[in-house]
Amino acid sequence: MTESQPETFPVEQIQFGERLDVFLQRRYPAVSRGAIQRLLADGDIQVNQRAAKPSYSPKLGDQIQVRWPKARAAEALPEEIPLAILFEDDDVIVLN
């Protein structure tokens, strides 16, 4: 799996005492806070070229770098489950 080009931006506005994961969730509202926390844990988000914790409070001028991993296709796997078949022919199957 290859990653996309990292996005780097300076912190220009802060809310006193705001956590990094909350700050980033406000910047990227389509991304869940949990997903941001996973990116932080995996080192895909850095502050001033260093790994940061979700509880870090951003400061004015901090440089934040975000590497968004490429999306992976979901893989559906068959599962062995018992089926109660009430009726079956070449065109129709009725399950209970």
PDB file of N, CA and C in Angstrom:
ATOM      1  N   MET A   1       0.845  -1.174   0.000  1.00  0.00           N
ATOM      2  CA  MET A   1       0.000   0.000   0.000  1.00  0.00           C
ATOM      3  C   MET A   1       0.888   1.234   0.000  1.00  0.00           C
ATOM      4  N   THR A   2       0.688   2.111  -0.949  1.00  0.00           N
ATOM      5  CA  THR A   2       1.449   3.341  -0.986  1.00  0.00           C
ATOM      6  C   THR A   2       0.608   4.468  -0.407  1.00  0.00           C
ATOM      7  N   GLU A   3       1.281   5.496   0.029  1.00  0.00           N
ATOM      8  CA  GLU A   3       0.595   6.618   0.649  1.00  0.00           C
ATOM      9  C   GLU A   3       0.549   7.785  -0.312  1.00  0.00           C
ATOM     10  N   SER A   4      -0.384   8.686  -0.055  1.00  0.00           N
ATOM     11  CA  SER A   4      -0.484   9.892  -0.849  1.00  0.00           C
ATOM     12  C   SER A   4       0.587  10.886  -0.381  1.00  0.00           C
ATOM     13  N   GLN A   5       0.736  11.950  -1.142  1.00  0.00           N
ATOM     14  CA  GLN A   5       1.683  13.007  -0.789  1.00  0.00           C
ATOM     15  C   GLN A   5       1.244  13.641   0.528  1.00  0.00           C
ATOM     16  N   PRO A   6       2.170  13.859   1.467  1.00  0.00           N
ATOM     17  CA  PRO A   6       1.767  14.461   2.751  1.00  0.00           C
ATOM     18  C   PRO A   6       1.284  15.900   2.577  1.00  0.00           C
ATOM     19  N   GLU A   7       0.366  16.284   3.428  1.00  0.00           N
ATOM     20  CA  GLU A   7      -0.156  17.647   3.463  1.00  0.00           C
ATOM     21  C   GLU A   7       0.462  18.333   4.681  1.00  0.00           C
ATOM     22  N   THR A   8       1.073  19.490   4.483  1.00  0.00           N
ATOM     23  CA  THR A   8       1.687  20.230   5.587  1.00  0.00           C
ATOM     24  C   THR A   8       1.055  21.612   5.671  1.00  0.00           C
ATOM     25  N   PHE A   9       0.725  22.024   6.888  1.00  0.00           N
ATOM     26  CA  PHE A   9       0.139  23.352   7.074  1.00  0.00           C
ATOM     27  C   PHE A   9       0.536  23.891   8.448  1.00  0.00           C
ATOM     28  N   PRO A  10       0.604  25.233   8.574  1.00  0.00           N
ATOM     29  CA  PRO A  10       0.907  25.834   9.879  1.00  0.00           C
ATOM     30  C   PRO A  10      -0.367  26.018  10.697  1.00  0.00           C
ATOM     31  N   VAL A  11      -0.220  25.990  11.996  1.00  0.00           N
ATOM     32  CA  VAL A  11      -1.341  26.290  12.887  1.00  0.00           C
ATOM     33  C   VAL A  11      -1.446  27.810  12.941  1.00  0.00           C
ATOM     34  N   GLU A  12      -2.584  28.327  12.478  1.00  0.00           N
ATOM     35  CA  GLU A  12      -2.778  29.774  12.428  1.00  0.00           C
ATOM     36  C   GLU A  12      -3.786  30.275  13.438  1.00  0.00           C
ATOM     37  N   GLN A  13      -4.665  29.389  13.889  1.00  0.00           N
ATOM     38  CA  GLN A  13      -5.643  29.754  14.907  1.00  0.00           C
ATOM     39  C   GLN A  13      -5.750  28.608  15.896  1.00  0.00           C
ATOM     40  N   ILE A  14      -5.860  28.953  17.158  1.00  0.00           N
ATOM     41  CA  ILE A  14      -6.008  27.922  18.183  1.00  0.00           C
ATOM     42  C   ILE A  14      -7.119  28.318  19.134  1.00  0.00           C
ATOM     43  N   GLN A  15      -7.631  27.332  19.823  1.00  0.00           N
ATOM     44  CA  GLN A  15      -8.525  27.558  20.944  1.00  0.00           C
ATOM     45  C   GLN A  15      -7.769  27.063  22.168  1.00  0.00           C
ATOM     46  N   PHE A  16      -7.617  27.914  23.142  1.00  0.00           N
ATOM     47  CA  PHE A  16      -6.802  27.603  24.311  1.00  0.00           C
ATOM     48  C   PHE A  16      -7.152  26.245  24.896  1.00  0.00           C
ATOM     49  N   GLY A  17      -6.129  25.411  25.085  1.00  0.00           N
ATOM     50  CA  GLY A  17      -6.298  24.102  25.709  1.00  0.00           C
ATOM     51  C   GLY A  17      -6.900  23.035  24.818  1.00  0.00           C
ATOM     52  N   GLU A  18      -7.130  23.336  23.530  1.00  0.00           N
ATOM     53  CA  GLU A  18      -7.740  22.361  22.631  1.00  0.00           C
ATOM     54  C   GLU A  18      -6.760  21.235  22.304  1.00  0.00           C
ATOM     55  N   ARG A  19      -7.241  20.022  22.319  1.00  0.00           N
ATOM     56  CA  ARG A  19      -6.419  18.855  21.985  1.00  0.00           C
ATOM     57  C   ARG A  19      -6.177  18.796  20.476  1.00  0.00           C
ATOM     58  N   LEU A  20      -5.064  18.162  20.099  1.00  0.00           N
ATOM     59  CA  LEU A  20      -4.704  18.030  18.695  1.00  0.00           C
ATOM     60  C   LEU A  20      -5.761  17.251  17.912  1.00  0.00           C
ATOM     61  N   ASP A  21      -6.276  16.158  18.481  1.00  0.00           N
ATOM     62  CA  ASP A  21      -7.278  15.381  17.752  1.00  0.00           C
ATOM     63  C   ASP A  21      -8.556  16.181  17.515  1.00  0.00           C
ATOM     64  N   VAL A  22      -8.927  17.029  18.458  1.00  0.00           N
ATOM     65  CA  VAL A  22     -10.111  17.876  18.298  1.00  0.00           C
ATOM     66  C   VAL A  22      -9.832  18.961  17.253  1.00  0.00           C
ATOM     67  N   PHE A  23      -8.648  19.564  17.319  1.00  0.00           N
ATOM     68  CA  PHE A  23      -8.236  20.579  16.348  1.00  0.00           C
ATOM     69  C   PHE A  23      -8.302  20.009  14.928  1.00  0.00           C
ATOM     70  N   LEU A  24      -7.754  18.810  14.742  1.00  0.00           N
ATOM     71  CA  LEU A  24      -7.737  18.193  13.414  1.00  0.00           C
ATOM     72  C   LEU A  24      -9.140  17.771  12.975  1.00  0.00           C
ATOM     73  N   GLN A  25      -9.970  17.347  13.904  1.00  0.00           N
ATOM     74  CA  GLN A  25     -11.328  16.958  13.559  1.00  0.00           C
ATOM     75  C   GLN A  25     -12.127  18.182  13.098  1.00  0.00           C
ATOM     76  N   ARG A  26     -11.852  19.352  13.664  1.00  0.00           N
ATOM     77  CA  ARG A  26     -12.499  20.576  13.189  1.00  0.00           C
ATOM     78  C   ARG A  26     -12.019  20.924  11.778  1.00  0.00           C
ATOM     79  N   ARG A  27     -10.725  20.703  11.506  1.00  0.00           N
ATOM     80  CA  ARG A  27     -10.174  21.001  10.178  1.00  0.00           C
ATOM     81  C   ARG A  27     -10.685  20.013   9.128  1.00  0.00           C
ATOM     82  N   TYR A  28     -10.857  18.760   9.519  1.00  0.00           N
ATOM     83  CA  TYR A  28     -11.314  17.705   8.614  1.00  0.00           C
ATOM     84  C   TYR A  28     -12.612  17.099   9.159  1.00  0.00           C
ATOM     85  N   PRO A  29     -13.740  17.802   9.026  1.00  0.00           N
ATOM     86  CA  PRO A  29     -14.989  17.313   9.646  1.00  0.00           C
ATOM     87  C   PRO A  29     -15.500  15.987   9.081  1.00  0.00           C
ATOM     88  N   ALA A  30     -15.069  15.608   7.888  1.00  0.00           N
ATOM     89  CA  ALA A  30     -15.518  14.335   7.309  1.00  0.00           C
ATOM     90  C   ALA A  30     -14.774  13.136   7.901  1.00  0.00           C
ATOM     91  N   VAL A  31     -13.708  13.389   8.671  1.00  0.00           N
ATOM     92  CA  VAL A  31     -12.893  12.327   9.263  1.00  0.00           C
ATOM     93  C   VAL A  31     -13.255  12.217  10.743  1.00  0.00           C
ATOM     94  N   SER A  32     -13.534  11.006  11.206  1.00  0.00           N
ATOM     95  CA  SER A  32     -13.913  10.830  12.603  1.00  0.00           C
ATOM     96  C   SER A  32     -12.713  11.081  13.523  1.00  0.00           C
ATOM     97  N   ARG A  33     -13.026  11.438  14.741  1.00  0.00           N
ATOM     98  CA  ARG A  33     -11.960  11.666  15.725  1.00  0.00           C
ATOM     99  C   ARG A  33     -11.185  10.382  15.979  1.00  0.00           C
ATOM    100  N   GLY A  34     -11.871   9.261  15.977  1.00  0.00           N
ATOM    101  CA  GLY A  34     -11.207   7.965  16.156  1.00  0.00           C
ATOM    102  C   GLY A  34     -10.215   7.682  15.035  1.00  0.00           C
ATOM    103  N   ALA A  35     -10.599   8.017  13.803  1.00  0.00           N
ATOM    104  CA  ALA A  35      -9.686   7.818  12.664  1.00  0.00           C
ATOM    105  C   ALA A  35      -8.459   8.714  12.807  1.00  0.00           C
ATOM    106  N   ILE A  36      -8.667   9.934  13.272  1.00  0.00           N
ATOM    107  CA  ILE A  36      -7.538  10.850  13.488  1.00  0.00           C
ATOM    108  C   ILE A  36      -6.632  10.298  14.579  1.00  0.00           C
ATOM    109  N   GLN A  37      -7.201   9.751  15.632  1.00  0.00           N
ATOM    110  CA  GLN A  37      -6.397   9.175  16.706  1.00  0.00           C
ATOM    111  C   GLN A  37      -5.587   7.981  16.202  1.00  0.00           C
ATOM    112  N   ARG A  38      -6.159   7.173  15.306  1.00  0.00           N
ATOM    113  CA  ARG A  38      -5.406   6.046  14.724  1.00  0.00           C
ATOM    114  C   ARG A  38      -4.251   6.556  13.870  1.00  0.00           C
ATOM    115  N   LEU A  39      -4.485   7.609  13.076  1.00  0.00           N
ATOM    116  CA  LEU A  39      -3.412   8.190  12.270  1.00  0.00           C
ATOM    117  C   LEU A  39      -2.292   8.715  13.165  1.00  0.00           C
ATOM    118  N   LEU A  40      -2.656   9.333  14.278  1.00  0.00           N
ATOM    119  CA  LEU A  40      -1.649   9.816  15.234  1.00  0.00           C
ATOM    120  C   LEU A  40      -0.870   8.644  15.823  1.00  0.00           C
ATOM    121  N   ALA A  41      -1.566   7.591  16.209  1.00  0.00           N
ATOM    122  CA  ALA A  41      -0.909   6.423  16.805  1.00  0.00           C
ATOM    123  C   ALA A  41       0.033   5.748  15.815  1.00  0.00           C
ATOM    124  N   ASP A  42      -0.327   5.773  14.525  1.00  0.00           N
ATOM    125  CA  ASP A  42       0.499   5.142  13.492  1.00  0.00           C
ATOM    126  C   ASP A  42       1.629   6.046  13.006  1.00  0.00           C
ATOM    127  N   GLY A  43       1.690   7.284  13.519  1.00  0.00           N
ATOM    128  CA  GLY A  43       2.747   8.214  13.104  1.00  0.00           C
ATOM    129  C   GLY A  43       2.472   8.897  11.781  1.00  0.00           C
ATOM    130  N   ASP A  44       1.223   8.804  11.275  1.00  0.00           N
ATOM    131  CA  ASP A  44       0.874   9.443  10.008  1.00  0.00           C
ATOM    132  C   ASP A  44       0.600  10.935  10.162  1.00  0.00           C
ATOM    133  N   ILE A  45       0.471  11.388  11.397  1.00  0.00           N
ATOM    134  CA  ILE A  45       0.322  12.819  11.671  1.00  0.00           C
ATOM    135  C   ILE A  45       1.471  13.217  12.585  1.00  0.00           C
ATOM    136  N   GLN A  46       2.195  14.246  12.186  1.00  0.00           N
ATOM    137  CA  GLN A  46       3.323  14.733  12.976  1.00  0.00           C
ATOM    138  C   GLN A  46       3.185  16.235  13.200  1.00  0.00           C
ATOM    139  N   VAL A  47       3.735  16.691  14.310  1.00  0.00           N
ATOM    140  CA  VAL A  47       3.798  18.116  14.622  1.00  0.00           C
ATOM    141  C   VAL A  47       5.266  18.487  14.718  1.00  0.00           C
ATOM    142  N   ASN A  48       5.667  19.459  13.920  1.00  0.00           N
ATOM    143  CA  ASN A  48       7.069  19.898  13.877  1.00  0.00           C
ATOM    144  C   ASN A  48       8.010  18.719  13.646  1.00  0.00           C
ATOM    145  N   GLN A  49       7.618  17.843  12.726  1.00  0.00           N
ATOM    146  CA  GLN A  49       8.396  16.675  12.302  1.00  0.00           C
ATOM    147  C   GLN A  49       8.609  15.642  13.403  1.00  0.00           C
ATOM    148  N   ARG A  50       7.722  15.626  14.383  1.00  0.00           N
ATOM    149  CA  ARG A  50       7.786  14.638  15.464  1.00  0.00           C
ATOM    150  C   ARG A  50       6.412  14.023  15.676  1.00  0.00           C
ATOM    151  N   ALA A  51       6.420  12.786  16.112  1.00  0.00           N
ATOM    152  CA  ALA A  51       5.153  12.135  16.461  1.00  0.00           C
ATOM    153  C   ALA A  51       4.500  12.915  17.594  1.00  0.00           C
ATOM    154  N   ALA A  52       3.181  12.974  17.568  1.00  0.00           N
ATOM    155  CA  ALA A  52       2.454  13.706  18.605  1.00  0.00           C
ATOM    156  C   ALA A  52       1.326  12.834  19.138  1.00  0.00           C
ATOM    157  N   LYS A  53       0.930  13.114  20.364  1.00  0.00           N
ATOM    158  CA  LYS A  53      -0.182  12.406  20.992  1.00  0.00           C
ATOM    159  C   LYS A  53      -1.474  13.179  20.741  1.00  0.00           C
ATOM    160  N   PRO A  54      -2.617  12.487  20.774  1.00  0.00           N
ATOM    161  CA  PRO A  54      -3.895  13.182  20.588  1.00  0.00           C
ATOM    162  C   PRO A  54      -4.117  14.294  21.610  1.00  0.00           C
ATOM    163  N   SER A  55      -3.532  14.170  22.798  1.00  0.00           N
ATOM    164  CA  SER A  55      -3.747  15.159  23.860  1.00  0.00           C
ATOM    165  C   SER A  55      -2.863  16.400  23.722  1.00  0.00           C
ATOM    166  N   TYR A  56      -1.924  16.405  22.774  1.00  0.00           N
ATOM    167  CA  TYR A  56      -1.058  17.572  22.567  1.00  0.00           C
ATOM    168  C   TYR A  56      -1.913  18.792  22.228  1.00  0.00           C
ATOM    169  N   SER A  57      -1.564  19.955  22.790  1.00  0.00           N
ATOM    170  CA  SER A  57      -2.265  21.202  22.477  1.00  0.00           C
ATOM    171  C   SER A  57      -1.482  21.969  21.424  1.00  0.00           C
ATOM    172  N   PRO A  58      -2.039  22.143  20.225  1.00  0.00           N
ATOM    173  CA  PRO A  58      -1.324  22.870  19.175  1.00  0.00           C
ATOM    174  C   PRO A  58      -1.035  24.307  19.589  1.00  0.00           C
ATOM    175  N   LYS A  59       0.084  24.810  19.102  1.00  0.00           N
ATOM    176  CA  LYS A  59       0.496  26.187  19.374  1.00  0.00           C
ATOM    177  C   LYS A  59       0.627  26.931  18.058  1.00  0.00           C
ATOM    178  N   LEU A  60       0.441  28.246  18.093  1.00  0.00           N
ATOM    179  CA  LEU A  60       0.585  29.049  16.887  1.00  0.00           C
ATOM    180  C   LEU A  60       1.949  28.803  16.262  1.00  0.00           C
ATOM    181  N   GLY A  61       1.964  28.590  14.964  1.00  0.00           N
ATOM    182  CA  GLY A  61       3.212  28.375  14.250  1.00  0.00           C
ATOM    183  C   GLY A  61       3.639  26.924  14.145  1.00  0.00           C
ATOM    184  N   ASP A  62       3.017  26.020  14.909  1.00  0.00           N
ATOM    185  CA  ASP A  62       3.340  24.594  14.754  1.00  0.00           C
ATOM    186  C   ASP A  62       3.109  24.191  13.297  1.00  0.00           C
ATOM    187  N   GLN A  63       3.971  23.321  12.791  1.00  0.00           N
ATOM    188  CA  GLN A  63       3.801  22.766  11.449  1.00  0.00           C
ATOM    189  C   GLN A  63       3.228  21.355  11.597  1.00  0.00           C
ATOM    190  N   ILE A  64       2.066  21.141  11.037  1.00  0.00           N
ATOM    191  CA  ILE A  64       1.416  19.840  11.116  1.00  0.00           C
ATOM    192  C   ILE A  64       1.501  19.177   9.746  1.00  0.00           C
ATOM    193  N   GLN A  65       1.916  17.920   9.760  1.00  0.00           N
ATOM    194  CA  GLN A  65       2.014  17.140   8.523  1.00  0.00           C
ATOM    195  C   GLN A  65       1.082  15.936   8.646  1.00  0.00           C
ATOM    196  N   VAL A  66       0.229  15.761   7.635  1.00  0.00           N
ATOM    197  CA  VAL A  66      -0.727  14.658   7.616  1.00  0.00           C
ATOM    198  C   VAL A  66      -0.465  13.813   6.376  1.00  0.00           C
ATOM    199  N   ARG A  67      -0.218  12.535   6.580  1.00  0.00           N
ATOM    200  CA  ARG A  67      -0.094  11.575   5.476  1.00  0.00           C
ATOM    201  C   ARG A  67      -1.357  10.722   5.485  1.00  0.00           C
ATOM    202  N   TRP A  68      -2.156  10.875   4.436  1.00  0.00           N
ATOM    203  CA  TRP A  68      -3.393  10.109   4.326  1.00  0.00           C
ATOM    204  C   TRP A  68      -3.092   8.790   3.631  1.00  0.00           C
ATOM    205  N   PRO A  69      -3.254   7.667   4.303  1.00  0.00           N
ATOM    206  CA  PRO A  69      -3.040   6.373   3.633  1.00  0.00           C
ATOM    207  C   PRO A  69      -4.055   6.198   2.512  1.00  0.00           C
ATOM    208  N   LYS A  70      -3.634   5.533   1.454  1.00  0.00           N
ATOM    209  CA  LYS A  70      -4.564   5.248   0.354  1.00  0.00           C
ATOM    210  C   LYS A  70      -5.636   4.278   0.851  1.00  0.00           C
ATOM    211  N   ALA A  71      -6.824   4.468   0.343  1.00  0.00           N
ATOM    212  CA  ALA A  71      -7.943   3.603   0.735  1.00  0.00           C
ATOM    213  C   ALA A  71      -7.714   2.188   0.198  1.00  0.00           C
ATOM    214  N   ARG A  72      -8.056   1.224   1.009  1.00  0.00           N
ATOM    215  CA  ARG A  72      -7.977  -0.179   0.592  1.00  0.00           C
ATOM    216  C   ARG A  72      -9.382  -0.671   0.274  1.00  0.00           C
ATOM    217  N   ALA A  73      -9.468  -1.499  -0.731  1.00  0.00           N
ATOM    218  CA  ALA A  73     -10.760  -2.076  -1.091  1.00  0.00           C
ATOM    219  C   ALA A  73     -11.209  -3.041   0.004  1.00  0.00           C
ATOM    220  N   ALA A  74     -12.475  -2.972   0.330  1.00  0.00           N
ATOM    221  CA  ALA A  74     -13.023  -3.901   1.312  1.00  0.00           C
ATOM    222  C   ALA A  74     -13.115  -5.284   0.683  1.00  0.00           C
ATOM    223  N   GLU A  75     -12.883  -6.290   1.483  1.00  0.00           N
ATOM    224  CA  GLU A  75     -12.909  -7.653   0.983  1.00  0.00           C
ATOM    225  C   GLU A  75     -14.023  -8.420   1.685  1.00  0.00           C
ATOM    226  N   ALA A  76     -15.003  -8.850   0.907  1.00  0.00           N
ATOM    227  CA  ALA A  76     -16.097  -9.645   1.462  1.00  0.00           C
ATOM    228  C   ALA A  76     -15.698 -11.113   1.435  1.00  0.00           C
ATOM    229  N   LEU A  77     -15.820 -11.762   2.580  1.00  0.00           N
ATOM    230  CA  LEU A  77     -15.463 -13.176   2.687  1.00  0.00           C
ATOM    231  C   LEU A  77     -16.719 -13.998   2.966  1.00  0.00           C
ATOM    232  N   PRO A  78     -16.831 -15.174   2.351  1.00  0.00           N
ATOM    233  CA  PRO A  78     -17.993 -16.019   2.634  1.00  0.00           C
ATOM    234  C   PRO A  78     -17.937 -16.534   4.074  1.00  0.00           C
ATOM    235  N   GLU A  79     -19.110 -16.773   4.594  1.00  0.00           N
ATOM    236  CA  GLU A  79     -19.201 -17.245   5.971  1.00  0.00           C
ATOM    237  C   GLU A  79     -20.126 -18.458   6.006  1.00  0.00           C
ATOM    238  N   GLU A  80     -19.711 -19.497   6.690  1.00  0.00           N
ATOM    239  CA  GLU A  80     -20.505 -20.719   6.794  1.00  0.00           C
ATOM    240  C   GLU A  80     -21.578 -20.508   7.856  1.00  0.00           C
ATOM    241  N   ILE A  81     -22.846 -20.418   7.413  1.00  0.00           N
ATOM    242  CA  ILE A  81     -23.953 -20.253   8.359  1.00  0.00           C
ATOM    243  C   ILE A  81     -25.065 -21.236   7.977  1.00  0.00           C
ATOM    244  N   PRO A  82     -25.762 -21.782   8.965  1.00  0.00           N
ATOM    245  CA  PRO A  82     -26.858 -22.715   8.654  1.00  0.00           C
ATOM    246  C   PRO A  82     -28.064 -21.934   8.114  1.00  0.00           C
ATOM    247  N   LEU A  83     -28.708 -22.473   7.077  1.00  0.00           N
ATOM    248  CA  LEU A  83     -29.884 -21.842   6.489  1.00  0.00           C
ATOM    249  C   LEU A  83     -31.066 -22.810   6.561  1.00  0.00           C
ATOM    250  N   ALA A  84     -32.205 -22.284   6.959  1.00  0.00           N
ATOM    251  CA  ALA A  84     -33.429 -23.090   6.969  1.00  0.00           C
ATOM    252  C   ALA A  84     -34.169 -22.811   5.661  1.00  0.00           C
ATOM    253  N   ILE A  85     -34.020 -23.712   4.689  1.00  0.00           N
ATOM    254  CA  ILE A  85     -34.630 -23.535   3.371  1.00  0.00           C
ATOM    255  C   ILE A  85     -36.046 -24.098   3.408  1.00  0.00           C
ATOM    256  N   LEU A  86     -37.032 -23.207   3.134  1.00  0.00           N
ATOM    257  CA  LEU A  86     -38.431 -23.627   3.119  1.00  0.00           C
ATOM    258  C   LEU A  86     -38.855 -24.099   1.733  1.00  0.00           C
ATOM    259  N   PHE A  87     -38.320 -23.473   0.694  1.00  0.00           N
ATOM    260  CA  PHE A  87     -38.655 -23.834  -0.677  1.00  0.00           C
ATOM    261  C   PHE A  87     -37.513 -23.418  -1.580  1.00  0.00           C
ATOM    262  N   GLU A  88     -37.259 -24.242  -2.600  1.00  0.00           N
ATOM    263  CA  GLU A  88     -36.198 -23.921  -3.546  1.00  0.00           C
ATOM    264  C   GLU A  88     -36.505 -24.529  -4.900  1.00  0.00           C
ATOM    265  N   ASP A  89     -36.380 -23.715  -5.963  1.00  0.00           N
ATOM    266  CA  ASP A  89     -36.428 -24.240  -7.327  1.00  0.00           C
ATOM    267  C   ASP A  89     -35.355 -23.525  -8.152  1.00  0.00           C
ATOM    268  N   ASP A  90     -35.418 -23.596  -9.476  1.00  0.00           N
ATOM    269  CA  ASP A  90     -34.368 -23.011 -10.307  1.00  0.00           C
ATOM    270  C   ASP A  90     -34.359 -21.481 -10.253  1.00  0.00           C
ATOM    271  N   ASP A  91     -35.464 -20.865  -9.865  1.00  0.00           N
ATOM    272  CA  ASP A  91     -35.557 -19.402  -9.900  1.00  0.00           C
ATOM    273  C   ASP A  91     -35.698 -18.740  -8.532  1.00  0.00           C
ATOM    274  N   VAL A  92     -36.166 -19.486  -7.544  1.00  0.00           N
ATOM    275  CA  VAL A  92     -36.524 -18.876  -6.260  1.00  0.00           C
ATOM    276  C   VAL A  92     -35.997 -19.735  -5.118  1.00  0.00           C
ATOM    277  N   ILE A  93     -35.612 -19.063  -4.040  1.00  0.00           N
ATOM    278  CA  ILE A  93     -35.287 -19.755  -2.792  1.00  0.00           C
ATOM    279  C   ILE A  93     -35.988 -18.994  -1.671  1.00  0.00           C
ATOM    280  N   VAL A  94     -36.646 -19.712  -0.782  1.00  0.00           N
ATOM    281  CA  VAL A  94     -37.345 -19.118   0.354  1.00  0.00           C
ATOM    282  C   VAL A  94     -36.647 -19.611   1.615  1.00  0.00           C
ATOM    283  N   LEU A  95     -36.184 -18.668   2.422  1.00  0.00           N
ATOM    284  CA  LEU A  95     -35.480 -18.985   3.664  1.00  0.00           C
ATOM    285  C   LEU A  95     -36.311 -18.580   4.861  1.00  0.00           C
ATOM    286  N   ASN A  96     -36.157 -19.307   5.932  1.00  0.00           N
ATOM    287  CA  ASN A  96     -36.807 -18.941   7.187  1.00  0.00           C
ATOM    288  C   ASN A  96     -35.855 -18.093   7.982  1.00  0.00           C
TER     289      ASN A  96
END
